[in-house]
N, C-alpha and C. Protein backbone atom coordinates (compact mmCIF):
# COMPACT_ATOMS: atom_id res chain seq x y z
N MET A 1 21.18 10.51 9.76
CA MET A 1 21.03 8.95 9.78
C MET A 1 22.40 8.31 9.57
N VAL A 2 22.56 7.25 10.37
CA VAL A 2 23.73 6.44 10.26
C VAL A 2 23.45 4.97 10.06
N LEU A 3 24.00 4.42 9.10
CA LEU A 3 23.82 3.00 8.88
C LEU A 3 25.09 2.32 9.50
N LEU A 4 24.88 1.39 10.48
CA LEU A 4 26.04 0.63 11.07
C LEU A 4 26.24 -0.62 10.29
N PRO A 5 27.51 -0.98 10.09
CA PRO A 5 27.81 -2.26 9.28
C PRO A 5 27.20 -3.49 9.83
N ASP A 6 26.98 -3.59 11.19
CA ASP A 6 26.49 -4.74 11.77
C ASP A 6 24.93 -4.72 12.06
N ARG A 7 24.28 -3.74 11.48
CA ARG A 7 22.77 -3.71 11.72
C ARG A 7 22.07 -3.60 10.37
N GLN A 8 20.79 -4.12 10.37
CA GLN A 8 19.97 -3.92 9.26
C GLN A 8 18.78 -3.12 9.52
N ALA A 9 18.91 -2.18 10.46
CA ALA A 9 17.84 -1.35 10.85
C ALA A 9 18.16 0.11 10.71
N LEU A 10 17.18 0.97 10.38
CA LEU A 10 17.41 2.41 10.17
C LEU A 10 16.32 3.15 10.94
N ASP A 11 16.76 4.03 11.73
CA ASP A 11 15.83 4.83 12.58
C ASP A 11 15.19 5.92 11.71
N VAL A 12 13.97 5.87 11.41
CA VAL A 12 13.30 6.84 10.54
C VAL A 12 12.34 7.68 11.26
N SER A 13 12.33 7.62 12.62
CA SER A 13 11.33 8.26 13.41
C SER A 13 11.32 9.77 13.19
N SER A 14 12.47 10.42 12.80
CA SER A 14 12.51 11.84 12.69
C SER A 14 12.12 12.28 11.31
N LEU A 15 11.88 11.38 10.45
CA LEU A 15 11.58 11.76 9.02
C LEU A 15 9.99 11.87 8.95
N PRO A 16 9.54 12.93 8.19
CA PRO A 16 8.11 13.09 8.04
C PRO A 16 7.53 11.96 7.18
N ALA A 17 6.16 11.67 7.26
CA ALA A 17 5.56 10.68 6.43
C ALA A 17 5.80 11.10 4.97
N GLY A 18 5.92 9.97 4.11
CA GLY A 18 6.19 10.27 2.61
C GLY A 18 6.90 9.02 2.12
N ALA A 19 7.17 9.17 0.84
CA ALA A 19 7.90 8.18 0.10
C ALA A 19 9.37 8.67 -0.17
N TYR A 20 10.27 7.88 0.09
CA TYR A 20 11.71 8.13 -0.04
C TYR A 20 12.38 7.01 -0.94
N LEU A 21 13.53 7.37 -1.47
CA LEU A 21 14.33 6.40 -2.18
C LEU A 21 15.56 6.29 -1.38
N LEU A 22 15.92 5.01 -0.90
CA LEU A 22 17.00 4.68 -0.09
C LEU A 22 18.06 3.99 -0.96
N SER A 23 19.26 4.48 -1.09
CA SER A 23 20.28 3.87 -1.78
C SER A 23 21.42 3.58 -0.91
N VAL A 24 21.95 2.31 -0.98
CA VAL A 24 23.02 1.93 -0.12
C VAL A 24 24.08 1.25 -0.96
N ARG A 25 25.36 1.60 -0.73
CA ARG A 25 26.43 0.91 -1.45
C ARG A 25 27.04 -0.13 -0.48
N THR A 26 27.14 -1.39 -0.95
CA THR A 26 27.62 -2.42 -0.14
C THR A 26 29.12 -2.42 -0.24
N LYS A 27 29.75 -3.30 0.75
CA LYS A 27 31.24 -3.38 0.79
C LYS A 27 31.76 -3.78 -0.50
N ASP A 28 31.11 -4.56 -1.27
CA ASP A 28 31.72 -4.99 -2.55
C ASP A 28 31.41 -4.18 -3.72
N GLY A 29 30.72 -3.02 -3.44
CA GLY A 29 30.63 -1.85 -4.46
C GLY A 29 29.20 -1.95 -5.11
N ASN A 30 28.41 -2.91 -4.75
CA ASN A 30 27.03 -2.92 -5.44
C ASN A 30 26.14 -1.78 -4.77
N LEU A 31 25.28 -1.24 -5.58
CA LEU A 31 24.39 -0.28 -5.17
C LEU A 31 23.07 -0.79 -5.10
N LEU A 32 22.38 -0.79 -3.97
CA LEU A 32 21.06 -1.25 -3.70
C LEU A 32 20.21 -0.02 -3.44
N SER A 33 19.06 -0.02 -4.24
CA SER A 33 18.05 1.05 -4.10
C SER A 33 16.69 0.47 -3.69
N ARG A 34 16.05 1.11 -2.79
CA ARG A 34 14.69 0.68 -2.42
C ARG A 34 13.84 1.82 -2.21
N ARG A 35 12.50 1.62 -2.45
CA ARG A 35 11.57 2.70 -2.22
C ARG A 35 11.10 2.42 -0.71
N LEU A 36 11.02 3.50 0.02
CA LEU A 36 10.68 3.43 1.36
C LEU A 36 9.44 4.30 1.66
N VAL A 37 8.42 3.78 2.18
CA VAL A 37 7.29 4.47 2.49
C VAL A 37 7.07 4.50 4.03
N ILE A 38 7.03 5.81 4.51
CA ILE A 38 6.93 5.93 5.99
C ILE A 38 5.53 6.58 6.32
N GLN A 39 4.84 5.84 7.23
CA GLN A 39 3.53 6.20 7.73
C GLN A 39 3.65 6.26 9.22
N HIS A 40 3.19 7.40 9.83
CA HIS A 40 3.17 7.45 11.24
C HIS A 40 1.75 7.39 11.83
């Protein structure tokens, strides 16, 4: 998976259904963590 700096979308179609923890570090050094639930 690749996060592009100009997009706020993430292709999760190849991940199996389940719960994930997504952590992203911003340009200014902040760490954002979100719970992501994927259902197909």
